[in-house]
Amino acid sequence: MMRVRIVALFAWALALAGCSTGGSDAGRVGRVFVAPDKFLLYTCPQLEQSARGVADRRKRLAQLMAKAGTTPDGRLISVLAYQSEYTETGADLDEMRRVAADKSCKPIAALGQTPGR
C-alpha cells in the first residue's frame, strides 16, 4: 500500500513538472506569478538594478536545479523545491523588460535563461 502511494505521488509530481517547464506556453504560465503593473512605479535605474538581482537569483536557482540532477529523484526535488520560484523570477524579468520598453529605458539584457535539460 505504501508503494502505491509513493508511486502515485511521484506520478503527480512528474505531471506537475510537465505543466511548469519550458515550451511555448512558458510565458503565459509565468504571467500568473506576476502582479499586473508590479514594476510600474520603478524608475529606469531601479528597473535595471532589480533586474540584476532577480537574474542573479534565477541563475542560482538554475544551478541548484542542475545540482539536484537529472535522475527521477533529483528532478522531483528540483520541481518541488525550485521550479515555482524559477518560473516567478522569469516572469518578473519579462515584466521588467516590458515596463522598461514602455518607459523608453535602456533595454534589460536577456538574463537568467532556462537551464539546458
PDB file of N, CA and C in Angstrom:
ATOM      1  N   MET A   1       0.829  -1.197   0.000  1.00  0.00           N
ATOM      2  CA  MET A   1       0.000   0.000   0.000  1.00  0.00           C
ATOM      3  C   MET A   1       0.872   1.258   0.000  1.00  0.00           C
ATOM      4  N   MET A   2       1.951   1.236   0.773  1.00  0.00           N
ATOM      5  CA  MET A   2       2.853   2.394   0.846  1.00  0.00           C
ATOM      6  C   MET A   2       3.510   2.644  -0.517  1.00  0.00           C
ATOM      7  N   ARG A   3       3.861   1.566  -1.214  1.00  0.00           N
ATOM      8  CA  ARG A   3       4.469   1.713  -2.539  1.00  0.00           C
ATOM      9  C   ARG A   3       3.510   2.378  -3.516  1.00  0.00           C
ATOM     10  N   VAL A   4       2.267   2.030  -3.446  1.00  0.00           N
ATOM     11  CA  VAL A   4       1.264   2.614  -4.337  1.00  0.00           C
ATOM     12  C   VAL A   4       1.183   4.118  -4.085  1.00  0.00           C
ATOM     13  N   ARG A   5       1.214   4.534  -2.835  1.00  0.00           N
ATOM     14  CA  ARG A   5       1.156   5.953  -2.511  1.00  0.00           C
ATOM     15  C   ARG A   5       2.396   6.685  -3.018  1.00  0.00           C
ATOM     16  N   ILE A   6       3.551   6.065  -2.859  1.00  0.00           N
ATOM     17  CA  ILE A   6       4.797   6.688  -3.319  1.00  0.00           C
ATOM     18  C   ILE A   6       4.782   6.829  -4.839  1.00  0.00           C
ATOM     19  N   VAL A   7       4.358   5.793  -5.538  1.00  0.00           N
ATOM     20  CA  VAL A   7       4.290   5.840  -6.998  1.00  0.00           C
ATOM     21  C   VAL A   7       3.271   6.896  -7.438  1.00  0.00           C
ATOM     22  N   ALA A   8       2.137   6.970  -6.750  1.00  0.00           N
ATOM     23  CA  ALA A   8       1.132   7.969  -7.100  1.00  0.00           C
ATOM     24  C   ALA A   8       1.661   9.381  -6.877  1.00  0.00           C
ATOM     25  N   LEU A   9       2.358   9.600  -5.777  1.00  0.00           N
ATOM     26  CA  LEU A   9       2.945  10.909  -5.501  1.00  0.00           C
ATOM     27  C   LEU A   9       3.989  11.265  -6.547  1.00  0.00           C
ATOM     28  N   PHE A  10       4.808  10.305  -6.910  1.00  0.00           N
ATOM     29  CA  PHE A  10       5.832  10.532  -7.918  1.00  0.00           C
ATOM     30  C   PHE A  10       5.193  10.866  -9.270  1.00  0.00           C
ATOM     31  N   ALA A  11       4.150  10.147  -9.647  1.00  0.00           N
ATOM     32  CA  ALA A  11       3.461  10.413 -10.918  1.00  0.00           C
ATOM     33  C   ALA A  11       2.827  11.801 -10.909  1.00  0.00           C
ATOM     34  N   TRP A  12       2.247  12.173  -9.790  1.00  0.00           N
ATOM     35  CA  TRP A  12       1.656  13.512  -9.658  1.00  0.00           C
ATOM     36  C   TRP A  12       2.725  14.585  -9.816  1.00  0.00           C
ATOM     37  N   ALA A  13       3.896  14.380  -9.188  1.00  0.00           N
ATOM     38  CA  ALA A  13       4.987  15.355  -9.278  1.00  0.00           C
ATOM     39  C   ALA A  13       5.502  15.468 -10.710  1.00  0.00           C
ATOM     40  N   LEU A  14       5.614  14.362 -11.407  1.00  0.00           N
ATOM     41  CA  LEU A  14       6.063  14.405 -12.797  1.00  0.00           C
ATOM     42  C   LEU A  14       5.045  15.124 -13.681  1.00  0.00           C
ATOM     43  N   ALA A  15       3.774  14.900 -13.429  1.00  0.00           N
ATOM     44  CA  ALA A  15       2.737  15.599 -14.198  1.00  0.00           C
ATOM     45  C   ALA A  15       2.811  17.097 -13.934  1.00  0.00           C
ATOM     46  N   LEU A  16       3.024  17.453 -12.699  1.00  0.00           N
ATOM     47  CA  LEU A  16       3.169  18.860 -12.343  1.00  0.00           C
ATOM     48  C   LEU A  16       4.405  19.461 -13.005  1.00  0.00           C
ATOM     49  N   ALA A  17       5.481  18.705 -13.056  1.00  0.00           N
ATOM     50  CA  ALA A  17       6.707  19.182 -13.702  1.00  0.00           C
ATOM     51  C   ALA A  17       6.461  19.447 -15.179  1.00  0.00           C
ATOM     52  N   GLY A  18       5.692  18.611 -15.818  1.00  0.00           N
ATOM     53  CA  GLY A  18       5.380  18.808 -17.227  1.00  0.00           C
ATOM     54  C   GLY A  18       4.579  20.070 -17.474  1.00  0.00           C
ATOM     55  N   CYS A  19       3.758  20.441 -16.507  1.00  0.00           N
ATOM     56  CA  CYS A  19       2.947  21.655 -16.641  1.00  0.00           C
ATOM     57  C   CYS A  19       3.757  22.916 -16.431  1.00  0.00           C
ATOM     58  N   SER A  20       4.848  22.822 -15.697  1.00  0.00           N
ATOM     59  CA  SER A  20       5.556  24.034 -15.293  1.00  0.00           C
ATOM     60  C   SER A  20       6.879  24.252 -15.994  1.00  0.00           C
ATOM     61  N   THR A  21       7.233  23.418 -16.947  1.00  0.00           N
ATOM     62  CA  THR A  21       8.522  23.591 -17.609  1.00  0.00           C
ATOM     63  C   THR A  21       8.339  24.089 -19.022  1.00  0.00           C
ATOM     64  N   GLY A  22       9.380  24.758 -19.537  1.00  0.00           N
ATOM     65  CA  GLY A  22       9.528  25.268 -20.885  1.00  0.00           C
ATOM     66  C   GLY A  22       8.349  25.162 -21.831  1.00  0.00           C
ATOM     67  N   GLY A  23       8.639  25.229 -23.109  1.00  0.00           N
ATOM     68  CA  GLY A  23       7.609  25.120 -24.116  1.00  0.00           C
ATOM     69  C   GLY A  23       7.043  26.471 -24.502  1.00  0.00           C
ATOM     70  N   SER A  24       6.142  26.458 -25.449  1.00  0.00           N
ATOM     71  CA  SER A  24       5.601  27.710 -25.967  1.00  0.00           C
ATOM     72  C   SER A  24       4.680  28.411 -24.984  1.00  0.00           C
ATOM     73  N   ASP A  25       4.171  27.696 -23.996  1.00  0.00           N
ATOM     74  CA  ASP A  25       3.266  28.296 -23.025  1.00  0.00           C
ATOM     75  C   ASP A  25       3.994  28.834 -21.801  1.00  0.00           C
ATOM     76  N   ALA A  26       5.311  28.777 -21.765  1.00  0.00           N
ATOM     77  CA  ALA A  26       6.066  29.173 -20.580  1.00  0.00           C
ATOM     78  C   ALA A  26       5.796  30.618 -20.189  1.00  0.00           C
ATOM     79  N   GLY A  27       5.709  31.516 -21.147  1.00  0.00           N
ATOM     80  CA  GLY A  27       5.448  32.917 -20.840  1.00  0.00           C
ATOM     81  C   GLY A  27       4.075  33.131 -20.230  1.00  0.00           C
ATOM     82  N   ARG A  28       3.087  32.429 -20.754  1.00  0.00           N
ATOM     83  CA  ARG A  28       1.731  32.569 -20.218  1.00  0.00           C
ATOM     84  C   ARG A  28       1.621  31.982 -18.827  1.00  0.00           C
ATOM     85  N   VAL A  29       2.292  30.881 -18.563  1.00  0.00           N
ATOM     86  CA  VAL A  29       2.289  30.282 -17.232  1.00  0.00           C
ATOM     87  C   VAL A  29       2.970  31.224 -16.256  1.00  0.00           C
ATOM     88  N   GLY A  30       4.083  31.818 -16.643  1.00  0.00           N
ATOM     89  CA  GLY A  30       4.816  32.719 -15.771  1.00  0.00           C
ATOM     90  C   GLY A  30       4.046  33.964 -15.406  1.00  0.00           C
ATOM     91  N   ARG A  31       3.184  34.437 -16.300  1.00  0.00           N
ATOM     92  CA  ARG A  31       2.420  35.657 -16.032  1.00  0.00           C
ATOM     93  C   ARG A  31       1.488  35.494 -14.838  1.00  0.00           C
ATOM     94  N   VAL A  32       1.136  34.269 -14.505  1.00  0.00           N
ATOM     95  CA  VAL A  32       0.286  34.021 -13.340  1.00  0.00           C
ATOM     96  C   VAL A  32       1.003  34.466 -12.068  1.00  0.00           C
ATOM     97  N   PHE A  33       2.323  34.419 -12.066  1.00  0.00           N
ATOM     98  CA  PHE A  33       3.112  34.723 -10.882  1.00  0.00           C
ATOM     99  C   PHE A  33       3.369  36.215 -10.675  1.00  0.00           C
ATOM    100  N   VAL A  34       3.077  37.042 -11.648  1.00  0.00           N
ATOM    101  CA  VAL A  34       3.412  38.467 -11.568  1.00  0.00           C
ATOM    102  C   VAL A  34       2.146  39.294 -11.425  1.00  0.00           C
ATOM    103  N   ALA A  35       2.140  40.158 -10.429  1.00  0.00           N
ATOM    104  CA  ALA A  35       1.019  41.077 -10.255  1.00  0.00           C
ATOM    105  C   ALA A  35       1.038  42.081 -11.406  1.00  0.00           C
ATOM    106  N   PRO A  36      -0.122  42.430 -11.925  1.00  0.00           N
ATOM    107  CA  PRO A  36      -0.161  43.417 -13.001  1.00  0.00           C
ATOM    108  C   PRO A  36       0.479  44.734 -12.545  1.00  0.00           C
ATOM    109  N   ASP A  37       1.295  45.286 -13.406  1.00  0.00           N
ATOM    110  CA  ASP A  37       1.956  46.574 -13.142  1.00  0.00           C
ATOM    111  C   ASP A  37       2.793  46.558 -11.865  1.00  0.00           C
ATOM    112  N   LYS A  38       3.351  45.425 -11.529  1.00  0.00           N
ATOM    113  CA  LYS A  38       4.177  45.283 -10.321  1.00  0.00           C
ATOM    114  C   LYS A  38       5.357  46.253 -10.318  1.00  0.00           C
ATOM    115  N   PHE A  39       5.891  46.549 -11.489  1.00  0.00           N
ATOM    116  CA  PHE A  39       7.082  47.382 -11.591  1.00  0.00           C
ATOM    117  C   PHE A  39       6.790  48.747 -12.222  1.00  0.00           C
ATOM    118  N   LEU A  40       5.546  49.112 -12.298  1.00  0.00           N
ATOM    119  CA  LEU A  40       5.141  50.340 -12.981  1.00  0.00           C
ATOM    120  C   LEU A  40       5.757  51.595 -12.372  1.00  0.00           C
ATOM    121  N   LEU A  41       5.911  51.652 -11.072  1.00  0.00           N
ATOM    122  CA  LEU A  41       6.422  52.855 -10.409  1.00  0.00           C
ATOM    123  C   LEU A  41       7.948  52.894 -10.312  1.00  0.00           C
ATOM    124  N   TYR A  42       8.616  51.860 -10.811  1.00  0.00           N
ATOM    125  CA  TYR A  42      10.077  51.829 -10.785  1.00  0.00           C
ATOM    126  C   TYR A  42      10.635  52.818 -11.808  1.00  0.00           C
ATOM    127  N   THR A  43      11.746  53.448 -11.445  1.00  0.00           N
ATOM    128  CA  THR A  43      12.464  54.282 -12.404  1.00  0.00           C
ATOM    129  C   THR A  43      13.355  53.371 -13.240  1.00  0.00           C
ATOM    130  N   CYS A  44      13.932  53.926 -14.300  1.00  0.00           N
ATOM    131  CA  CYS A  44      14.816  53.124 -15.156  1.00  0.00           C
ATOM    132  C   CYS A  44      15.989  52.527 -14.364  1.00  0.00           C
ATOM    133  N   PRO A  45      16.704  53.315 -13.536  1.00  0.00           N
ATOM    134  CA  PRO A  45      17.789  52.719 -12.759  1.00  0.00           C
ATOM    135  C   PRO A  45      17.303  51.650 -11.770  1.00  0.00           C
ATOM    136  N   GLN A  46      16.133  51.857 -11.195  1.00  0.00           N
ATOM    137  CA  GLN A  46      15.589  50.855 -10.278  1.00  0.00           C
ATOM    138  C   GLN A  46      15.247  49.557 -11.014  1.00  0.00           C
ATOM    139  N   LEU A  47      14.700  49.695 -12.222  1.00  0.00           N
ATOM    140  CA  LEU A  47      14.394  48.507 -13.021  1.00  0.00           C
ATOM    141  C   LEU A  47      15.665  47.727 -13.343  1.00  0.00           C
ATOM    142  N   GLU A  48      16.696  48.462 -13.743  1.00  0.00           N
ATOM    143  CA  GLU A  48      17.960  47.812 -14.097  1.00  0.00           C
ATOM    144  C   GLU A  48      18.576  47.106 -12.890  1.00  0.00           C
ATOM    145  N   GLN A  49      18.587  47.773 -11.746  1.00  0.00           N
ATOM    146  CA  GLN A  49      19.161  47.188 -10.531  1.00  0.00           C
ATOM    147  C   GLN A  49      18.348  45.969 -10.075  1.00  0.00           C
ATOM    148  N   SER A  50      17.038  46.093 -10.087  1.00  0.00           N
ATOM    149  CA  SER A  50      16.181  44.979  -9.689  1.00  0.00           C
ATOM    150  C   SER A  50      16.340  43.792 -10.635  1.00  0.00           C
ATOM    151  N   ALA A  51      16.453  44.074 -11.918  1.00  0.00           N
ATOM    152  CA  ALA A  51      16.621  43.011 -12.908  1.00  0.00           C
ATOM    153  C   ALA A  51      17.925  42.251 -12.668  1.00  0.00           C
ATOM    154  N   ARG A  52      18.979  42.972 -12.305  1.00  0.00           N
ATOM    155  CA  ARG A  52      20.247  42.287 -12.000  1.00  0.00           C
ATOM    156  C   ARG A  52      20.088  41.347 -10.805  1.00  0.00           C
ATOM    157  N   GLY A  53      19.412  41.822  -9.765  1.00  0.00           N
ATOM    158  CA  GLY A  53      19.193  40.984  -8.582  1.00  0.00           C
ATOM    159  C   GLY A  53      18.342  39.764  -8.883  1.00  0.00           C
ATOM    160  N   VAL A  54      17.269  39.956  -9.637  1.00  0.00           N
ATOM    161  CA  VAL A  54      16.385  38.848  -9.995  1.00  0.00           C
ATOM    162  C   VAL A  54      17.119  37.863 -10.904  1.00  0.00           C
ATOM    163  N   ALA A  55      17.904  38.368 -11.843  1.00  0.00           N
ATOM    164  CA  ALA A  55      18.662  37.493 -12.748  1.00  0.00           C
ATOM    165  C   ALA A  55      19.699  36.686 -11.971  1.00  0.00           C
ATOM    166  N   ASP A  56      20.334  37.303 -10.987  1.00  0.00           N
ATOM    167  CA  ASP A  56      21.296  36.567 -10.154  1.00  0.00           C
ATOM    168  C   ASP A  56      20.604  35.444  -9.393  1.00  0.00           C
ATOM    169  N   ARG A  57      19.429  35.741  -8.836  1.00  0.00           N
ATOM    170  CA  ARG A  57      18.681  34.711  -8.105  1.00  0.00           C
ATOM    171  C   ARG A  57      18.249  33.598  -9.054  1.00  0.00           C
ATOM    172  N   ARG A  58      17.812  33.957 -10.236  1.00  0.00           N
ATOM    173  CA  ARG A  58      17.388  32.961 -11.223  1.00  0.00           C
ATOM    174  C   ARG A  58      18.560  32.066 -11.634  1.00  0.00           C
ATOM    175  N   LYS A  59      19.735  32.672 -11.793  1.00  0.00           N
ATOM    176  CA  LYS A  59      20.923  31.900 -12.137  1.00  0.00           C
ATOM    177  C   LYS A  59      21.260  30.911 -11.014  1.00  0.00           C
ATOM    178  N   ARG A  60      21.141  31.362  -9.764  1.00  0.00           N
ATOM    179  CA  ARG A  60      21.419  30.494  -8.614  1.00  0.00           C
ATOM    180  C   ARG A  60      20.414  29.348  -8.567  1.00  0.00           C
ATOM    181  N   LEU A  61      19.159  29.634  -8.830  1.00  0.00           N
ATOM    182  CA  LEU A  61      18.144  28.579  -8.856  1.00  0.00           C
ATOM    183  C   LEU A  61      18.439  27.557  -9.954  1.00  0.00           C
ATOM    184  N   ALA A  62      18.877  28.039 -11.124  1.00  0.00           N
ATOM    185  CA  ALA A  62      19.235  27.123 -12.215  1.00  0.00           C
ATOM    186  C   ALA A  62      20.394  26.220 -11.796  1.00  0.00           C
ATOM    187  N   GLN A  63      21.361  26.783 -11.068  1.00  0.00           N
ATOM    188  CA  GLN A  63      22.487  25.981 -10.578  1.00  0.00           C
ATOM    189  C   GLN A  63      22.008  24.927  -9.582  1.00  0.00           C
ATOM    190  N   LEU A  64      21.104  25.314  -8.698  1.00  0.00           N
ATOM    191  CA  LEU A  64      20.573  24.360  -7.724  1.00  0.00           C
ATOM    192  C   LEU A  64      19.771  23.260  -8.400  1.00  0.00           C
ATOM    193  N   MET A  65      19.018  23.629  -9.437  1.00  0.00           N
ATOM    194  CA  MET A  65      18.245  22.634 -10.171  1.00  0.00           C
ATOM    195  C   MET A  65      19.171  21.661 -10.898  1.00  0.00           C
ATOM    196  N   ALA A  66      20.249  22.179 -11.463  1.00  0.00           N
ATOM    197  CA  ALA A  66      21.220  21.312 -12.146  1.00  0.00           C
ATOM    198  C   ALA A  66      21.925  20.409 -11.138  1.00  0.00           C
ATOM    199  N   LYS A  67      22.225  20.957  -9.986  1.00  0.00           N
ATOM    200  CA  LYS A  67      22.902  20.181  -8.935  1.00  0.00           C
ATOM    201  C   LYS A  67      22.014  19.043  -8.434  1.00  0.00           C
ATOM    202  N   ALA A  68      20.705  19.269  -8.423  1.00  0.00           N
ATOM    203  CA  ALA A  68      19.771  18.232  -7.987  1.00  0.00           C
ATOM    204  C   ALA A  68      19.841  17.019  -8.908  1.00  0.00           C
ATOM    205  N   GLY A  69      20.258  17.242 -10.148  1.00  0.00           N
ATOM    206  CA  GLY A  69      20.478  16.136 -11.068  1.00  0.00           C
ATOM    207  C   GLY A  69      19.322  15.881 -12.005  1.00  0.00           C
ATOM    208  N   THR A  70      19.543  14.919 -12.884  1.00  0.00           N
ATOM    209  CA  THR A  70      18.539  14.573 -13.881  1.00  0.00           C
ATOM    210  C   THR A  70      17.894  13.224 -13.589  1.00  0.00           C
ATOM    211  N   THR A  71      18.252  12.622 -12.465  1.00  0.00           N
ATOM    212  CA  THR A  71      17.597  11.375 -12.080  1.00  0.00           C
ATOM    213  C   THR A  71      16.163  11.691 -11.673  1.00  0.00           C
ATOM    214  N   PRO A  72      15.295  10.708 -11.673  1.00  0.00           N
ATOM    215  CA  PRO A  72      13.910  10.981 -11.255  1.00  0.00           C
ATOM    216  C   PRO A  72      13.822  11.609  -9.854  1.00  0.00           C
ATOM    217  N   ASP A  73      14.642  11.132  -8.931  1.00  0.00           N
ATOM    218  CA  ASP A  73      14.624  11.706  -7.581  1.00  0.00           C
ATOM    219  C   ASP A  73      15.084  13.160  -7.598  1.00  0.00           C
ATOM    220  N   GLY A  74      16.158  13.426  -8.304  1.00  0.00           N
ATOM    221  CA  GLY A  74      16.683  14.788  -8.385  1.00  0.00           C
ATOM    222  C   GLY A  74      15.715  15.720  -9.074  1.00  0.00           C
ATOM    223  N   ARG A  75      15.082  15.227 -10.101  1.00  0.00           N
ATOM    224  CA  ARG A  75      14.096  16.028 -10.842  1.00  0.00           C
ATOM    225  C   ARG A  75      12.900  16.378  -9.948  1.00  0.00           C
ATOM    226  N   LEU A  76      12.465  15.406  -9.155  1.00  0.00           N
ATOM    227  CA  LEU A  76      11.358  15.628  -8.231  1.00  0.00           C
ATOM    228  C   LEU A  76      11.726  16.705  -7.211  1.00  0.00           C
ATOM    229  N   ILE A  77      12.914  16.590  -6.644  1.00  0.00           N
ATOM    230  CA  ILE A  77      13.375  17.585  -5.675  1.00  0.00           C
ATOM    231  C   ILE A  77      13.452  18.959  -6.339  1.00  0.00           C
ATOM    232  N   SER A  78      13.981  18.992  -7.533  1.00  0.00           N
ATOM    233  CA  SER A  78      14.110  20.249  -8.270  1.00  0.00           C
ATOM    234  C   SER A  78      12.753  20.912  -8.483  1.00  0.00           C
ATOM    235  N   VAL A  79      11.783  20.131  -8.903  1.00  0.00           N
ATOM    236  CA  VAL A  79      10.443  20.673  -9.163  1.00  0.00           C
ATOM    237  C   VAL A  79       9.805  21.152  -7.865  1.00  0.00           C
ATOM    238  N   LEU A  80       9.881  20.351  -6.831  1.00  0.00           N
ATOM    239  CA  LEU A  80       9.227  20.709  -5.576  1.00  0.00           C
ATOM    240  C   LEU A  80       9.897  21.892  -4.888  1.00  0.00           C
ATOM    241  N   ALA A  81      11.213  21.972  -4.974  1.00  0.00           N
ATOM    242  CA  ALA A  81      11.932  22.996  -4.214  1.00  0.00           C
ATOM    243  C   ALA A  81      12.168  24.294  -4.980  1.00  0.00           C
ATOM    244  N   TYR A  82      12.413  24.208  -6.286  1.00  0.00           N
ATOM    245  CA  TYR A  82      12.911  25.382  -7.006  1.00  0.00           C
ATOM    246  C   TYR A  82      12.075  25.867  -8.175  1.00  0.00           C
ATOM    247  N   GLN A  83      11.289  24.998  -8.799  1.00  0.00           N
ATOM    248  CA  GLN A  83      10.653  25.336 -10.077  1.00  0.00           C
ATOM    249  C   GLN A  83       9.713  26.531  -9.994  1.00  0.00           C
ATOM    250  N   SER A  84       8.915  26.626  -8.956  1.00  0.00           N
ATOM    251  CA  SER A  84       7.954  27.739  -8.907  1.00  0.00           C
ATOM    252  C   SER A  84       8.665  29.084  -8.771  1.00  0.00           C
ATOM    253  N   GLU A  85       9.713  29.143  -7.951  1.00  0.00           N
ATOM    254  CA  GLU A  85      10.451  30.404  -7.825  1.00  0.00           C
ATOM    255  C   GLU A  85      11.207  30.714  -9.114  1.00  0.00           C
ATOM    256  N   TYR A  86      11.725  29.685  -9.773  1.00  0.00           N
ATOM    257  CA  TYR A  86      12.421  29.886 -11.033  1.00  0.00           C
ATOM    258  C   TYR A  86      11.468  30.482 -12.076  1.00  0.00           C
ATOM    259  N   THR A  87      10.261  29.945 -12.149  1.00  0.00           N
ATOM    260  CA  THR A  87       9.254  30.459 -13.084  1.00  0.00           C
ATOM    261  C   THR A  87       8.870  31.888 -12.725  1.00  0.00           C
ATOM    262  N   GLU A  88       8.721  32.149 -11.425  1.00  0.00           N
ATOM    263  CA  GLU A  88       8.358  33.500 -10.979  1.00  0.00           C
ATOM    264  C   GLU A  88       9.435  34.520 -11.333  1.00  0.00           C
ATOM    265  N   THR A  89      10.698  34.166 -11.145  1.00  0.00           N
ATOM    266  CA  THR A  89      11.769  35.110 -11.472  1.00  0.00           C
ATOM    267  C   THR A  89      11.816  35.382 -12.972  1.00  0.00           C
ATOM    268  N   GLY A  90      11.544  34.377 -13.789  1.00  0.00           N
ATOM    269  CA  GLY A  90      11.489  34.587 -15.233  1.00  0.00           C
ATOM    270  C   GLY A  90      10.364  35.523 -15.623  1.00  0.00           C
ATOM    271  N   ALA A  91       9.207  35.355 -14.986  1.00  0.00           N
ATOM    272  CA  ALA A  91       8.071  36.234 -15.261  1.00  0.00           C
ATOM    273  C   ALA A  91       8.376  37.664 -14.800  1.00  0.00           C
ATOM    274  N   ASP A  92       9.049  37.793 -13.663  1.00  0.00           N
ATOM    275  CA  ASP A  92       9.441  39.127 -13.189  1.00  0.00           C
ATOM    276  C   ASP A  92      10.366  39.814 -14.188  1.00  0.00           C
ATOM    277  N   LEU A  93      11.341  39.079 -14.698  1.00  0.00           N
ATOM    278  CA  LEU A  93      12.253  39.656 -15.687  1.00  0.00           C
ATOM    279  C   LEU A  93      11.514  40.082 -16.952  1.00  0.00           C
ATOM    280  N   ASP A  94      10.585  39.252 -17.407  1.00  0.00           N
ATOM    281  CA  ASP A  94       9.796  39.613 -18.588  1.00  0.00           C
ATOM    282  C   ASP A  94       8.993  40.885 -18.347  1.00  0.00           C
ATOM    283  N   GLU A  95       8.390  40.990 -17.165  1.00  0.00           N
ATOM    284  CA  GLU A  95       7.593  42.178 -16.841  1.00  0.00           C
ATOM    285  C   GLU A  95       8.492  43.411 -16.732  1.00  0.00           C
ATOM    286  N   MET A  96       9.680  43.251 -16.155  1.00  0.00           N
ATOM    287  CA  MET A  96      10.617  44.375 -16.071  1.00  0.00           C
ATOM    288  C   MET A  96      11.035  44.841 -17.457  1.00  0.00           C
ATOM    289  N   ARG A  97      11.267  43.912 -18.367  1.00  0.00           N
ATOM    290  CA  ARG A  97      11.616  44.268 -19.750  1.00  0.00           C
ATOM    291  C   ARG A  97      10.481  45.031 -20.414  1.00  0.00           C
ATOM    292  N   ARG A  98       9.259  44.577 -20.187  1.00  0.00           N
ATOM    293  CA  ARG A  98       8.100  45.241 -20.782  1.00  0.00           C
ATOM    294  C   ARG A  98       7.959  46.666 -20.262  1.00  0.00           C
ATOM    295  N   VAL A  99       8.092  46.829 -18.936  1.00  0.00           N
ATOM    296  CA  VAL A  99       7.975  48.160 -18.338  1.00  0.00           C
ATOM    297  C   VAL A  99       9.121  49.050 -18.815  1.00  0.00           C
ATOM    298  N   ALA A 100      10.331  48.510 -18.892  1.00  0.00           N
ATOM    299  CA  ALA A 100      11.478  49.292 -19.364  1.00  0.00           C
ATOM    300  C   ALA A 100      11.247  49.770 -20.795  1.00  0.00           C
ATOM    301  N   ALA A 101      10.702  48.910 -21.627  1.00  0.00           N
ATOM    302  CA  ALA A 101      10.421  49.305 -23.010  1.00  0.00           C
ATOM    303  C   ALA A 101       9.333  50.379 -23.057  1.00  0.00           C
ATOM    304  N   ASP A 102       8.308  50.236 -22.239  1.00  0.00           N
ATOM    305  CA  ASP A 102       7.232  51.233 -22.198  1.00  0.00           C
ATOM    306  C   ASP A 102       7.738  52.604 -21.751  1.00  0.00           C
ATOM    307  N   LYS A 103       8.729  52.597 -20.867  1.00  0.00           N
ATOM    308  CA  LYS A 103       9.274  53.850 -20.334  1.00  0.00           C
ATOM    309  C   LYS A 103      10.458  54.359 -21.153  1.00  0.00           C
ATOM    310  N   SER A 104      10.783  53.690 -22.238  1.00  0.00           N
ATOM    311  CA  SER A 104      11.921  54.027 -23.100  1.00  0.00           C
ATOM    312  C   SER A 104      13.246  54.001 -22.333  1.00  0.00           C
ATOM    313  N   CYS A 105      13.374  53.057 -21.410  1.00  0.00           N
ATOM    314  CA  CYS A 105      14.627  52.863 -20.675  1.00  0.00           C
ATOM    315  C   CYS A 105      15.589  52.058 -21.548  1.00  0.00           C
ATOM    316  N   LYS A 106      16.818  51.998 -21.093  1.00  0.00           N
ATOM    317  CA  LYS A 106      17.794  51.131 -21.735  1.00  0.00           C
ATOM    318  C   LYS A 106      17.277  49.696 -21.638  1.00  0.00           C
ATOM    319  N   PRO A 107      17.344  48.918 -22.728  1.00  0.00           N
ATOM    320  CA  PRO A 107      16.824  47.548 -22.685  1.00  0.00           C
ATOM    321  C   PRO A 107      17.509  46.703 -21.609  1.00  0.00           C
ATOM    322  N   ILE A 108      16.714  45.893 -20.950  1.00  0.00           N
ATOM    323  CA  ILE A 108      17.240  44.987 -19.937  1.00  0.00           C
ATOM    324  C   ILE A 108      17.693  43.725 -20.657  1.00  0.00           C
ATOM    325  N   ALA A 109      18.925  43.322 -20.426  1.00  0.00           N
ATOM    326  CA  ALA A 109      19.505  42.169 -21.107  1.00  0.00           C
ATOM    327  C   ALA A 109      18.697  40.904 -20.802  1.00  0.00           C
ATOM    328  N   ALA A 110      18.737  39.967 -21.727  1.00  0.00           N
ATOM    329  CA  ALA A 110      18.051  38.679 -21.556  1.00  0.00           C
ATOM    330  C   ALA A 110      18.868  37.809 -20.612  1.00  0.00           C
ATOM    331  N   LEU A 111      18.695  38.017 -19.332  1.00  0.00           N
ATOM    332  CA  LEU A 111      19.430  37.285 -18.310  1.00  0.00           C
ATOM    333  C   LEU A 111      18.560  36.162 -17.757  1.00  0.00           C
ATOM    334  N   GLY A 112      19.230  35.180 -17.167  1.00  0.00           N
ATOM    335  CA  GLY A 112      18.510  34.131 -16.461  1.00  0.00           C
ATOM    336  C   GLY A 112      17.697  33.226 -17.356  1.00  0.00           C
ATOM    337  N   GLN A 113      18.300  32.734 -18.443  1.00  0.00           N
ATOM    338  CA  GLN A 113      17.578  31.872 -19.367  1.00  0.00           C
ATOM    339  C   GLN A 113      17.331  30.501 -18.753  1.00  0.00           C
ATOM    340  N   THR A 114      16.446  29.748 -19.348  1.00  0.00           N
ATOM    341  CA  THR A 114      16.096  28.419 -18.888  1.00  0.00           C
ATOM    342  C   THR A 114      17.316  27.512 -18.929  1.00  0.00           C
ATOM    343  N   PRO A 115      17.563  26.736 -17.855  1.00  0.00           N
ATOM    344  CA  PRO A 115      18.716  25.844 -17.851  1.00  0.00           C
ATOM    345  C   PRO A 115      18.539  24.755 -18.897  1.00  0.00           C
ATOM    346  N   GLY A 116      19.644  24.352 -19.507  1.00  0.00           N
ATOM    347  CA  GLY A 116      19.583  23.302 -20.520  1.00  0.00           C
ATOM    348  C   GLY A 116      19.326  21.949 -19.917  1.00  0.00           C
ATOM    349  N   ARG A 117      18.246  21.324 -20.360  1.00  0.00           N
ATOM    350  CA  ARG A 117      17.918  19.973 -19.900  1.00  0.00           C
ATOM    351  C   ARG A 117      17.405  19.178 -21.054  1.00  0.00           C
TER     352      ARG A 117
END
